[in-house]
Amino acid sequence: QVQLVESGGGLVQAGGSLRLSCAASGSIVSTNIMGWYRQAPGKQREFVATITSRGNTNYADSVKGRFTISRANVLNTVYLQMNSLKPEDTAVYYCSFSFGVVNYYWGQGTQVTVSS
């Protein structure tokens, strides 16, 4: 019902930057939350950042001051600007889209690898 297409992942050296993007399509509800989660091998998926349709943001402590989440509501697109990347940021990053209580969607994931 909701499809999420991600892009922008890749390989970067420590201290470098990447920008991820995710475009949502399908049965879009205007009041929603979009965000980013990440999952490293052998670890559980963890919260990175979210942004509401009104622009309210929330960040994990581990990325505060380094990552910035933003969105373009007309385009149903969310972005994640990642600066000062660290090796521990290496993970598959997943775009999320949610509304209400039970409606939750995930993108296919994009790999981010930070070399030391």
N, C-alpha and C. Protein backbone atom coordinates (compact mmCIF):
# COMPACT_ATOMS: atom_id res chain seq x y z
N GLN A 1 0.83 -1.20 0.00
CA GLN A 1 0.00 0.00 0.00
C GLN A 1 0.87 1.26 0.00
N VAL A 2 1.96 1.23 0.76
CA VAL A 2 2.94 2.30 0.76
C VAL A 2 4.28 1.70 0.36
N GLN A 3 4.90 2.28 -0.63
CA GLN A 3 6.20 1.83 -1.09
C GLN A 3 7.25 2.90 -0.78
N LEU A 4 8.41 2.45 -0.34
CA LEU A 4 9.51 3.34 0.02
C LEU A 4 10.73 2.97 -0.79
N VAL A 5 11.29 3.93 -1.49
CA VAL A 5 12.46 3.72 -2.32
C VAL A 5 13.60 4.57 -1.77
N GLU A 6 14.68 3.90 -1.36
CA GLU A 6 15.81 4.56 -0.74
C GLU A 6 16.98 4.66 -1.70
N SER A 7 17.84 5.64 -1.44
CA SER A 7 19.05 5.80 -2.22
C SER A 7 20.06 6.60 -1.41
N GLY A 8 21.30 6.59 -1.85
CA GLY A 8 22.33 7.41 -1.24
C GLY A 8 23.36 6.68 -0.41
N GLY A 9 23.16 5.40 -0.15
CA GLY A 9 24.13 4.65 0.62
C GLY A 9 25.41 4.42 -0.16
N GLY A 10 26.44 3.99 0.56
CA GLY A 10 27.70 3.74 -0.08
C GLY A 10 28.82 3.58 0.92
N LEU A 11 30.04 3.63 0.40
CA LEU A 11 31.25 3.49 1.20
C LEU A 11 31.89 4.85 1.38
N VAL A 12 32.24 5.17 2.62
CA VAL A 12 32.86 6.45 2.92
C VAL A 12 33.89 6.26 4.02
N GLN A 13 34.91 7.08 4.02
CA GLN A 13 35.91 7.03 5.07
C GLN A 13 35.42 7.75 6.32
N ALA A 14 35.96 7.37 7.46
CA ALA A 14 35.61 8.02 8.71
C ALA A 14 35.81 9.52 8.59
N GLY A 15 34.84 10.27 9.10
CA GLY A 15 34.87 11.71 9.01
C GLY A 15 34.16 12.26 7.78
N GLY A 16 33.79 11.39 6.87
CA GLY A 16 33.12 11.81 5.65
C GLY A 16 31.63 11.99 5.84
N SER A 17 30.95 12.25 4.72
CA SER A 17 29.52 12.53 4.75
C SER A 17 28.79 11.75 3.67
N LEU A 18 27.53 11.47 3.94
CA LEU A 18 26.61 10.88 2.98
C LEU A 18 25.24 11.48 3.21
N ARG A 19 24.43 11.50 2.16
CA ARG A 19 23.04 11.90 2.30
C ARG A 19 22.13 10.82 1.74
N LEU A 20 21.25 10.32 2.58
CA LEU A 20 20.28 9.32 2.19
C LEU A 20 18.96 10.00 1.84
N SER A 21 18.23 9.41 0.93
CA SER A 21 16.91 9.90 0.59
C SER A 21 15.95 8.73 0.48
N CYS A 22 14.69 9.01 0.72
CA CYS A 22 13.65 7.99 0.66
C CYS A 22 12.36 8.64 0.18
N ALA A 23 11.82 8.12 -0.90
CA ALA A 23 10.58 8.63 -1.47
C ALA A 23 9.45 7.64 -1.24
N ALA A 24 8.36 8.12 -0.70
CA ALA A 24 7.19 7.29 -0.43
C ALA A 24 6.15 7.47 -1.52
N SER A 25 5.48 6.40 -1.85
CA SER A 25 4.41 6.44 -2.83
C SER A 25 3.32 5.46 -2.43
N GLY A 26 2.15 5.61 -3.03
CA GLY A 26 1.03 4.75 -2.73
C GLY A 26 -0.05 5.49 -1.95
N SER A 27 -0.65 4.80 -1.00
CA SER A 27 -1.74 5.36 -0.20
C SER A 27 -1.17 6.19 0.95
N ILE A 28 -0.74 7.39 0.62
CA ILE A 28 -0.09 8.26 1.60
C ILE A 28 -1.12 8.97 2.46
N VAL A 29 -0.94 8.89 3.77
CA VAL A 29 -1.74 9.64 4.73
C VAL A 29 -0.96 10.88 5.10
N SER A 30 -1.61 12.03 5.05
CA SER A 30 -0.91 13.29 5.21
C SER A 30 -0.29 13.46 6.60
N THR A 31 -0.96 12.95 7.62
CA THR A 31 -0.42 13.00 8.98
C THR A 31 0.37 11.73 9.23
N ASN A 32 1.68 11.86 9.25
CA ASN A 32 2.51 10.67 9.34
C ASN A 32 3.86 11.01 9.95
N ILE A 33 4.61 9.96 10.20
CA ILE A 33 5.98 10.09 10.69
C ILE A 33 6.89 9.32 9.75
N MET A 34 7.92 9.96 9.28
CA MET A 34 8.93 9.29 8.48
C MET A 34 10.25 9.34 9.24
N GLY A 35 11.08 8.35 9.00
CA GLY A 35 12.33 8.33 9.72
C GLY A 35 13.30 7.31 9.21
N TRP A 36 14.35 7.12 10.00
CA TRP A 36 15.42 6.21 9.65
C TRP A 36 15.79 5.35 10.84
N TYR A 37 15.96 4.07 10.58
CA TYR A 37 16.49 3.11 11.52
C TYR A 37 17.69 2.43 10.86
N ARG A 38 18.51 1.79 11.66
CA ARG A 38 19.65 1.09 11.10
C ARG A 38 19.86 -0.23 11.81
N GLN A 39 20.49 -1.16 11.11
CA GLN A 39 20.74 -2.48 11.66
C GLN A 39 22.10 -2.98 11.19
N ALA A 40 22.97 -3.25 12.14
CA ALA A 40 24.27 -3.83 11.86
C ALA A 40 24.17 -5.35 11.98
N PRO A 41 25.06 -6.09 11.32
CA PRO A 41 25.02 -7.55 11.41
C PRO A 41 25.08 -8.03 12.85
N GLY A 42 24.18 -8.94 13.20
CA GLY A 42 24.15 -9.49 14.53
C GLY A 42 23.53 -8.60 15.59
N LYS A 43 23.02 -7.46 15.20
CA LYS A 43 22.42 -6.54 16.14
C LYS A 43 20.97 -6.27 15.77
N GLN A 44 20.22 -5.79 16.74
CA GLN A 44 18.84 -5.41 16.50
C GLN A 44 18.76 -4.08 15.78
N ARG A 45 17.66 -3.88 15.10
CA ARG A 45 17.44 -2.61 14.45
C ARG A 45 17.28 -1.51 15.49
N GLU A 46 17.96 -0.40 15.29
CA GLU A 46 17.92 0.69 16.25
C GLU A 46 17.44 1.98 15.61
N PHE A 47 16.83 2.79 16.44
CA PHE A 47 16.31 4.09 16.03
C PHE A 47 17.44 5.05 15.71
N VAL A 48 17.27 5.82 14.65
CA VAL A 48 18.23 6.86 14.29
C VAL A 48 17.60 8.24 14.39
N ALA A 49 16.52 8.46 13.65
CA ALA A 49 15.87 9.77 13.65
C ALA A 49 14.49 9.66 13.04
N THR A 50 13.59 10.53 13.47
CA THR A 50 12.27 10.62 12.87
C THR A 50 11.88 12.08 12.70
N ILE A 51 10.92 12.30 11.82
CA ILE A 51 10.39 13.63 11.60
C ILE A 51 8.90 13.50 11.28
N THR A 52 8.10 14.32 11.94
CA THR A 52 6.66 14.30 11.69
C THR A 52 6.33 15.14 10.48
N SER A 53 5.09 15.02 10.03
CA SER A 53 4.65 15.82 8.89
C SER A 53 4.61 17.30 9.21
N ARG A 54 4.64 17.68 10.48
CA ARG A 54 4.71 19.07 10.89
C ARG A 54 6.14 19.55 11.06
N GLY A 55 7.11 18.65 10.94
CA GLY A 55 8.50 19.05 11.02
C GLY A 55 9.17 18.83 12.36
N ASN A 56 8.49 18.22 13.31
CA ASN A 56 9.11 17.93 14.60
C ASN A 56 10.07 16.75 14.46
N THR A 57 11.28 16.91 14.98
CA THR A 57 12.32 15.90 14.81
C THR A 57 12.72 15.28 16.13
N ASN A 58 13.27 14.08 16.02
CA ASN A 58 13.79 13.36 17.17
C ASN A 58 15.01 12.57 16.70
N TYR A 59 16.06 12.57 17.53
CA TYR A 59 17.31 11.92 17.17
C TYR A 59 17.78 10.99 18.28
N ALA A 60 18.45 9.92 17.87
CA ALA A 60 19.16 9.11 18.83
C ALA A 60 20.36 9.89 19.36
N ASP A 61 20.69 9.66 20.62
CA ASP A 61 21.81 10.39 21.22
C ASP A 61 23.11 10.17 20.45
N SER A 62 23.27 9.00 19.87
CA SER A 62 24.51 8.67 19.19
C SER A 62 24.74 9.47 17.92
N VAL A 63 23.70 10.10 17.38
CA VAL A 63 23.85 10.83 16.12
C VAL A 63 23.57 12.31 16.27
N LYS A 64 23.17 12.76 17.43
CA LYS A 64 22.88 14.18 17.63
C LYS A 64 24.11 15.03 17.33
N GLY A 65 23.89 16.09 16.60
CA GLY A 65 24.98 16.97 16.22
C GLY A 65 25.71 16.55 14.97
N ARG A 66 25.47 15.34 14.50
CA ARG A 66 26.12 14.83 13.29
C ARG A 66 25.15 14.59 12.15
N PHE A 67 23.96 14.11 12.48
CA PHE A 67 22.96 13.78 11.46
C PHE A 67 21.83 14.80 11.49
N THR A 68 21.25 15.06 10.34
CA THR A 68 20.11 15.95 10.23
C THR A 68 19.04 15.30 9.37
N ILE A 69 17.84 15.19 9.90
CA ILE A 69 16.73 14.65 9.14
C ILE A 69 15.85 15.80 8.65
N SER A 70 15.35 15.67 7.45
CA SER A 70 14.47 16.68 6.87
C SER A 70 13.50 15.99 5.94
N ARG A 71 12.49 16.72 5.50
CA ARG A 71 11.52 16.12 4.59
C ARG A 71 10.91 17.18 3.68
N ALA A 72 10.44 16.72 2.54
CA ALA A 72 9.70 17.54 1.60
C ALA A 72 8.31 16.92 1.48
N ASN A 73 7.35 17.50 2.16
CA ASN A 73 6.03 16.90 2.24
C ASN A 73 5.34 16.75 0.89
N VAL A 74 5.51 17.74 0.03
CA VAL A 74 4.88 17.67 -1.28
C VAL A 74 5.42 16.50 -2.07
N LEU A 75 6.68 16.18 -1.88
CA LEU A 75 7.31 15.08 -2.60
C LEU A 75 7.25 13.77 -1.83
N ASN A 76 6.72 13.79 -0.62
CA ASN A 76 6.68 12.60 0.24
C ASN A 76 8.06 11.97 0.36
N THR A 77 9.04 12.80 0.60
CA THR A 77 10.42 12.37 0.63
C THR A 77 11.08 12.79 1.94
N VAL A 78 11.88 11.89 2.50
CA VAL A 78 12.63 12.18 3.71
C VAL A 78 14.12 12.03 3.40
N TYR A 79 14.94 12.86 4.05
CA TYR A 79 16.37 12.85 3.83
C TYR A 79 17.09 12.66 5.16
N LEU A 80 18.28 12.12 5.08
CA LEU A 80 19.15 12.02 6.24
C LEU A 80 20.55 12.45 5.83
N GLN A 81 20.95 13.63 6.27
CA GLN A 81 22.29 14.12 6.04
C GLN A 81 23.18 13.63 7.15
N MET A 82 24.20 12.86 6.81
CA MET A 82 25.08 12.25 7.79
C MET A 82 26.48 12.83 7.64
N ASN A 83 26.93 13.52 8.66
CA ASN A 83 28.25 14.12 8.68
C ASN A 83 29.10 13.49 9.78
N SER A 84 30.40 13.68 9.68
CA SER A 84 31.34 13.16 10.67
C SER A 84 31.08 11.68 10.95
N LEU A 85 30.98 10.91 9.91
CA LEU A 85 30.65 9.50 10.05
C LEU A 85 31.75 8.74 10.76
N LYS A 86 31.32 7.76 11.55
CA LYS A 86 32.20 6.91 12.32
C LYS A 86 32.03 5.46 11.89
N PRO A 87 33.04 4.62 12.11
CA PRO A 87 32.89 3.21 11.76
C PRO A 87 31.67 2.56 12.41
N GLU A 88 31.32 2.97 13.61
CA GLU A 88 30.16 2.40 14.28
C GLU A 88 28.84 2.79 13.64
N ASP A 89 28.87 3.71 12.68
CA ASP A 89 27.67 4.04 11.92
C ASP A 89 27.40 3.03 10.81
N THR A 90 28.33 2.13 10.57
CA THR A 90 28.17 1.13 9.52
C THR A 90 26.96 0.25 9.81
N ALA A 91 26.05 0.18 8.86
CA ALA A 91 24.82 -0.58 9.03
C ALA A 91 24.00 -0.49 7.75
N VAL A 92 22.95 -1.28 7.70
CA VAL A 92 21.92 -1.10 6.69
C VAL A 92 20.91 -0.10 7.25
N TYR A 93 20.67 0.94 6.51
CA TYR A 93 19.76 1.99 6.94
C TYR A 93 18.41 1.80 6.26
N TYR A 94 17.36 1.80 7.07
CA TYR A 94 16.01 1.57 6.59
C TYR A 94 15.16 2.82 6.78
N CYS A 95 14.45 3.18 5.74
CA CYS A 95 13.48 4.25 5.81
C CYS A 95 12.18 3.71 6.39
N SER A 96 11.51 4.50 7.21
CA SER A 96 10.25 4.10 7.80
C SER A 96 9.16 5.12 7.52
N PHE A 97 7.95 4.62 7.46
CA PHE A 97 6.75 5.45 7.26
C PHE A 97 5.67 4.87 8.15
N SER A 98 5.07 5.70 8.98
CA SER A 98 4.05 5.20 9.89
C SER A 98 2.94 6.22 10.08
N PHE A 99 1.76 5.71 10.36
CA PHE A 99 0.63 6.55 10.72
C PHE A 99 -0.34 5.72 11.55
N GLY A 100 -1.09 6.40 12.39
CA GLY A 100 -1.98 5.69 13.28
C GLY A 100 -1.20 4.79 14.22
N VAL A 101 -1.80 3.66 14.56
CA VAL A 101 -1.21 2.74 15.51
C VAL A 101 -0.59 1.52 14.84
N VAL A 102 -1.25 0.99 13.83
CA VAL A 102 -0.85 -0.29 13.26
C VAL A 102 -0.28 -0.20 11.85
N ASN A 103 -0.23 0.97 11.28
CA ASN A 103 0.24 1.12 9.92
C ASN A 103 1.71 1.53 9.93
N TYR A 104 2.57 0.60 9.57
CA TYR A 104 4.00 0.81 9.63
C TYR A 104 4.65 0.15 8.42
N TYR A 105 5.47 0.90 7.70
CA TYR A 105 6.10 0.41 6.49
C TYR A 105 7.59 0.66 6.53
N TRP A 106 8.32 -0.20 5.82
CA TRP A 106 9.78 -0.11 5.76
C TRP A 106 10.26 -0.13 4.33
N GLY A 107 11.35 0.57 4.08
CA GLY A 107 12.01 0.47 2.80
C GLY A 107 12.86 -0.78 2.72
N GLN A 108 13.52 -0.96 1.59
CA GLN A 108 14.32 -2.16 1.38
C GLN A 108 15.68 -2.10 2.06
N GLY A 109 16.09 -0.93 2.47
CA GLY A 109 17.36 -0.74 3.13
C GLY A 109 18.46 -0.34 2.16
N THR A 110 19.38 0.46 2.64
CA THR A 110 20.54 0.85 1.86
C THR A 110 21.78 0.75 2.74
N GLN A 111 22.83 0.17 2.20
CA GLN A 111 24.04 -0.10 2.98
C GLN A 111 24.90 1.14 3.11
N VAL A 112 25.30 1.42 4.33
CA VAL A 112 26.27 2.47 4.63
C VAL A 112 27.47 1.83 5.30
N THR A 113 28.63 1.98 4.71
CA THR A 113 29.85 1.42 5.26
C THR A 113 30.86 2.53 5.48
N VAL A 114 31.35 2.64 6.70
CA VAL A 114 32.31 3.66 7.07
C VAL A 114 33.62 2.98 7.43
N SER A 115 34.65 3.26 6.68
CA SER A 115 35.95 2.65 6.91
C SER A 115 36.78 3.49 7.87
N SER A 116 37.63 2.83 8.63
CA SER A 116 38.48 3.51 9.59
C SER A 116 39.87 3.74 9.05
